[in-house]
Amino acid sequence: MIFWPKAQTIVINPRTFAALSPGQRRILREAGLAAIGPELKQLRREQRLAMSLLCGDHGFRLVTATPADAAALRRATQPVYDRIERNPFTKQWIAQIVRMRTEPDVTRCGGTK
């Protein structure tokens, strides 16, 4: 579980990307692929540090929601989803995020999952 996600992206509009030479597009793609490994390592380091801070004697306590708790939260937030999903683009992104979920990510102190 990542508590503080960060978006590292290269943003370029299609017209600008198309204007690049094939070599420039290749370099851009290769740079992105080369950056993934080091970035994932950094995210893992930051996650370990965050968990050590959260799970240490700092007054934080992680709790696991029961299925009933999760259902109640979903019911409580449904009006917000209903409103923001009026935008087709937002609705599409939310649906994509939901499809990405394969199983609940349960994080516990003590290094177990």
Foldseek 3Di string as FASTA:
>chain_A
DQPDDDDDDDDDDPVVLVPDDPVVNVVVVVVVVVVVVVVVVVSVVVVVVVLCCQLDPPPHADDDDDPVRVVVVCVVCVVVVVVVVVPVVVVVVVVVVVVPDDDDDDDHRPPDD
